[in-house]
Amino acid sequence: MSDTIAKVAARADTLRKVYGEGDAAVEALRGITVEFGSGRFTAIMGASGSGKSTLLHCLAGLDVPTSGHVFIGDIDITTLSEKRLTQLRRDKVGFVFQAFNLIPTLTAKENVTLPLDIAGRDVDEAWFDSVVDTVRLRDRLDHRPAELSGGQQQRVAAARALVSRPEIVFADEPTGNLDSKAGAELLTFLRGAVDDHGQSIVMVTHDANAASYSDRIVFLADGLVVDEMLEPNTEKILDRLKAMEA
């Protein structure tokens, strides 16, 4: 299934991922082909064990598929050396983890600019200011993670993913550890990154309300894409999930 947008930020082509061997083998992805449009916010949903996070990790180059291909833009990342893949992830991909993954000894500002510092790239101060003000972290930049709330830490993680202007941002259950208010703030920020800055975002979530912020939902079941929804709202999503469970 493909997005209606002509330009594609990421795509999987007959993607398979098998964990284990022999009788213990588990086929997490069973030949998935799917595209994710540029400048769009796409959610991936499905029951536990449907392959959501495995697909996301393969798309982001964090996991190696058993067979098939993954493209970021027009680059087949499954053919890259580890060195080239690391460089591509650094230059073209942002990732927001559920567990924040902040460096405890660094300030919020240092955590946000860390990918640029590692890459030896200058910080675009105007863009940095825009991102920081959007996530409302201006008065927390000198604080370390232990001095921030969970919601603030997740906003630091989201800002870190966006500050390098990656071609695509992958988010794995980014609101999973947040209360409803902090979750809504983060989703509003991600929505604004798409609407105002043309960012491409792919988010795994089990939360119908979180998915309602997206332009499109891709539904997985048993390692396969089984459905999709455009212009979702919470009620439509819940109805579709109930129908899939029936």
Protein backbone atom coordinates (compact mmCIF):
# COMPACT_ATOMS: atom_id res chain seq x y z
CA MET A 1 0.00 0.00 0.00
CA SER A 2 1.36 3.40 -0.89
CA ASP A 3 0.77 6.97 0.12
CA THR A 4 -0.93 9.34 -2.29
CA ILE A 5 2.00 11.77 -2.20
CA ALA A 6 4.35 11.38 -5.18
CA LYS A 7 7.56 12.03 -3.22
CA VAL A 8 8.48 9.20 -0.87
CA ALA A 9 10.52 9.76 2.31
CA ALA A 10 10.93 6.06 3.12
CA ARG A 11 9.73 2.75 1.76
CA ALA A 12 10.00 -0.96 2.39
CA ASP A 13 10.09 -3.44 -0.48
CA THR A 14 9.12 -7.09 0.27
CA LEU A 15 10.63 -6.68 3.74
CA ARG A 16 11.08 -9.83 5.84
CA LYS A 17 12.51 -10.12 9.34
CA VAL A 18 12.97 -13.47 11.05
CA TYR A 19 14.21 -13.82 14.61
CA GLY A 20 15.72 -17.13 15.72
CA GLU A 21 16.23 -20.30 13.73
CA GLY A 22 14.53 -23.64 13.08
CA ASP A 23 11.54 -24.46 15.27
CA ALA A 24 12.21 -21.33 17.37
CA ALA A 25 12.09 -18.98 14.36
CA VAL A 26 9.59 -16.11 14.53
CA GLU A 27 8.72 -14.24 11.32
CA ALA A 28 8.10 -10.70 12.55
CA LEU A 29 7.72 -9.18 9.06
CA ARG A 30 6.36 -11.30 6.21
CA GLY A 31 7.21 -9.49 2.98
CA ILE A 32 5.91 -5.98 3.67
CA THR A 33 5.86 -3.42 0.87
CA VAL A 34 4.79 0.06 1.99
CA GLU A 35 5.65 3.70 1.28
CA PHE A 36 5.70 6.75 3.53
CA GLY A 37 5.09 10.09 1.88
CA SER A 38 7.39 13.06 2.26
CA GLY A 39 5.96 15.91 4.33
CA ARG A 40 3.40 13.60 5.89
CA PHE A 41 2.71 12.30 9.40
CA THR A 42 2.06 8.55 9.23
CA ALA A 43 1.12 6.33 12.16
CA ILE A 44 1.69 2.57 12.30
CA MET A 45 -0.81 0.61 14.40
CA GLY A 46 -1.55 -3.02 15.18
CA ALA A 47 -1.84 -5.50 18.02
CA SER A 48 1.14 -6.44 20.17
CA GLY A 49 3.40 -8.69 18.11
CA SER A 50 2.09 -7.41 14.77
CA GLY A 51 5.56 -6.17 13.74
CA LYS A 52 5.13 -2.42 14.31
CA SER A 53 8.39 -1.70 16.11
CA THR A 54 10.33 -4.19 13.99
CA LEU A 55 9.18 -2.38 10.84
CA LEU A 56 10.11 1.00 12.33
CA HIS A 57 13.55 -0.19 13.41
CA CYS A 58 14.24 -1.69 9.97
CA LEU A 59 13.09 1.51 8.25
CA ALA A 60 15.38 3.57 10.47
CA GLY A 61 18.38 1.31 9.88
CA LEU A 62 18.47 0.26 13.53
CA ASP A 63 17.73 -3.39 12.67
CA VAL A 64 18.85 -5.46 9.67
CA PRO A 65 16.09 -7.15 7.64
CA THR A 66 16.39 -10.84 6.77
CA SER A 67 15.51 -10.03 3.16
CA GLY A 68 13.98 -7.25 1.11
CA HIS A 69 15.01 -3.63 0.83
CA VAL A 70 14.57 -0.36 2.73
CA PHE A 71 14.93 3.03 1.08
CA ILE A 72 15.42 6.43 2.73
CA GLY A 73 14.60 8.76 -0.13
CA ASP A 74 16.19 7.04 -3.10
CA ILE A 75 19.00 5.39 -1.12
CA ASP A 76 18.78 1.62 -0.55
CA ILE A 77 20.08 1.44 3.02
CA THR A 78 20.16 -2.38 2.97
CA THR A 79 23.13 -2.21 0.56
CA LEU A 80 25.23 0.18 2.65
CA SER A 81 28.28 -0.65 4.71
CA GLU A 82 27.98 -0.14 8.45
CA LYS A 83 30.04 3.04 8.17
CA ARG A 84 27.84 4.48 5.40
CA LEU A 85 24.67 3.44 7.22
CA THR A 86 25.84 5.19 10.40
CA GLN A 87 26.58 8.31 8.36
CA LEU A 88 23.17 8.21 6.66
CA ARG A 89 21.35 7.76 9.97
CA ARG A 90 23.27 10.72 11.38
CA ASP A 91 22.56 12.96 8.38
CA LYS A 92 19.08 11.98 7.23
CA VAL A 93 17.24 10.24 10.11
CA GLY A 94 15.88 11.39 13.46
CA PHE A 95 14.59 8.96 16.08
CA VAL A 96 12.41 9.56 19.14
CA PHE A 97 12.52 6.65 21.58
CA GLN A 98 9.91 5.93 24.22
CA ALA A 99 12.69 5.81 26.83
CA PHE A 100 14.03 9.31 25.94
CA ASN A 101 17.70 8.09 25.75
CA LEU A 102 19.10 11.37 27.06
CA ILE A 103 22.67 11.70 28.37
CA PRO A 104 22.26 12.43 32.12
CA THR A 105 25.46 14.47 32.45
CA LEU A 106 24.53 16.86 29.62
CA THR A 107 22.18 19.83 29.82
CA ALA A 108 18.99 19.92 27.79
CA LYS A 109 20.69 22.17 25.24
CA GLU A 110 23.70 19.84 24.97
CA ASN A 111 21.39 16.85 24.53
CA VAL A 112 19.46 18.63 21.77
CA THR A 113 22.61 19.57 19.82
CA LEU A 114 24.41 16.26 20.46
CA PRO A 115 23.81 14.77 16.96
CA LEU A 116 25.19 17.92 15.33
CA ASP A 117 28.16 17.99 17.71
CA ILE A 118 29.00 14.36 16.92
CA ALA A 119 28.71 15.06 13.19
CA GLY A 120 30.91 18.14 13.51
CA ARG A 121 28.17 20.31 12.02
CA ASP A 122 27.33 23.86 13.03
CA VAL A 123 24.05 24.51 14.78
CA ASP A 124 21.59 26.55 12.72
CA GLU A 125 20.79 28.98 15.50
CA ALA A 126 17.55 30.24 13.92
CA TRP A 127 16.24 26.70 13.47
CA PHE A 128 17.43 25.71 16.96
CA ASP A 129 15.54 28.67 18.42
CA SER A 130 12.42 27.73 16.46
CA VAL A 131 12.51 24.12 17.66
CA VAL A 132 13.25 25.04 21.28
CA ASP A 133 10.48 27.63 21.39
CA THR A 134 8.03 25.23 19.75
CA VAL A 135 8.63 22.63 22.46
CA ARG A 136 8.73 25.36 25.12
CA LEU A 137 12.14 24.46 26.52
CA ARG A 138 13.67 27.93 26.52
CA ASP A 139 13.78 28.18 30.33
CA ARG A 140 15.02 24.58 30.75
CA LEU A 141 18.04 24.56 28.43
CA ASP A 142 20.59 24.62 31.27
CA HIS A 143 18.85 21.86 33.23
CA ARG A 144 20.03 18.25 33.20
CA PRO A 145 17.54 15.40 32.54
CA ALA A 146 17.14 14.59 36.26
CA GLU A 147 15.89 18.16 36.79
CA LEU A 148 13.21 17.82 34.10
CA SER A 149 9.77 16.20 34.16
CA GLY A 150 9.08 13.19 31.95
CA GLY A 151 7.20 15.38 29.50
CA GLN A 152 10.07 17.86 29.34
CA GLN A 153 12.59 15.06 28.79
CA GLN A 154 10.52 13.70 25.91
CA ARG A 155 10.33 17.17 24.38
CA VAL A 156 14.14 17.39 24.61
CA ALA A 157 14.31 14.03 22.79
CA ALA A 158 11.93 15.28 20.10
CA ALA A 159 13.90 18.51 19.68
CA ARG A 160 17.11 16.48 19.37
CA ALA A 161 15.53 14.40 16.59
CA LEU A 162 14.50 17.52 14.65
CA VAL A 163 17.32 19.99 15.20
CA SER A 164 19.52 18.46 12.49
CA ARG A 165 16.66 18.81 9.95
CA PRO A 166 16.59 15.12 9.06
CA GLU A 167 14.73 13.92 5.98
CA ILE A 168 12.55 11.72 8.17
CA VAL A 169 11.83 11.25 11.88
CA PHE A 170 10.85 7.87 13.30
CA ALA A 171 9.06 7.83 16.67
CA ASP A 172 8.49 4.61 18.65
CA GLU A 173 5.56 4.99 21.07
CA PRO A 174 6.78 8.53 21.90
CA THR A 175 3.84 9.25 24.25
CA GLY A 176 3.96 5.87 26.00
CA ASN A 177 5.60 7.22 29.17
CA LEU A 178 3.80 10.56 29.24
CA ASP A 179 0.64 11.76 30.94
CA SER A 180 -2.17 12.94 28.67
CA LYS A 181 -1.20 16.64 28.85
CA ALA A 182 2.48 16.07 28.06
CA GLY A 183 1.53 13.57 25.36
CA ALA A 184 -0.79 16.08 23.70
CA GLU A 185 1.95 18.73 23.78
CA LEU A 186 4.43 16.39 22.10
CA LEU A 187 1.94 15.30 19.42
CA THR A 188 1.01 18.91 18.72
CA PHE A 189 4.70 19.65 18.28
CA LEU A 190 5.15 16.74 15.85
CA ARG A 191 2.03 17.81 13.94
CA GLY A 192 3.41 21.34 13.68
CA ALA A 193 6.77 20.05 12.43
CA VAL A 194 4.92 18.45 9.52
CA ASP A 195 2.51 21.33 8.82
CA ASP A 196 4.90 24.23 9.32
CA HIS A 197 8.26 22.78 8.29
CA GLY A 198 7.42 19.95 5.88
CA GLN A 199 8.91 17.32 8.17
CA SER A 200 8.24 13.63 7.42
CA ILE A 201 7.27 11.59 10.50
CA VAL A 202 6.52 7.89 10.96
CA MET A 203 5.21 6.98 14.42
CA VAL A 204 4.40 3.63 15.98
CA THR A 205 1.58 3.87 18.50
CA HIS A 206 -1.14 1.75 20.09
CA ASP A 207 -3.06 4.87 21.16
CA ALA A 208 -5.99 5.86 18.94
CA ASN A 209 -5.87 9.44 20.19
CA ALA A 210 -2.16 9.74 19.36
CA ALA A 211 -2.76 8.25 15.91
CA SER A 212 -5.51 10.80 15.25
CA TYR A 213 -2.81 13.49 14.91
CA SER A 214 -1.50 11.75 11.77
CA ASP A 215 -2.45 12.15 8.10
CA ARG A 216 -2.54 8.44 7.48
CA ILE A 217 -2.49 5.19 9.44
CA VAL A 218 -0.96 1.93 8.26
CA PHE A 219 -2.40 -1.10 10.08
CA LEU A 220 -0.29 -4.23 10.63
CA ALA A 221 -1.36 -7.74 11.63
CA ASP A 222 0.88 -10.81 11.86
CA GLY A 223 3.76 -9.09 10.09
CA LEU A 224 1.72 -7.84 7.14
CA VAL A 225 0.12 -4.54 6.11
CA VAL A 226 -3.61 -5.29 6.21
CA ASP A 227 -5.27 -1.87 5.92
CA GLU A 228 -4.74 1.88 5.89
CA MET A 229 -6.76 4.96 6.76
CA LEU A 230 -6.52 8.53 5.51
CA GLU A 231 -7.67 11.58 7.49
CA PRO A 232 -8.17 9.56 10.67
CA ASN A 233 -10.03 10.59 13.78
CA THR A 234 -10.19 8.79 17.12
CA GLU A 235 -13.67 7.33 16.59
CA LYS A 236 -12.84 5.96 13.13
CA ILE A 237 -9.59 4.47 14.44
CA LEU A 238 -11.28 2.72 17.38
CA ASP A 239 -13.94 1.29 15.05
CA ARG A 240 -11.26 -0.03 12.69
CA LEU A 241 -9.26 -1.57 15.53
CA LYS A 242 -12.38 -3.30 16.88
CA ALA A 243 -13.17 -4.66 13.41
CA MET A 244 -9.61 -6.00 13.09
CA GLU A 245 -9.91 -7.80 16.44
CA ALA A 246 -13.27 -9.37 15.54
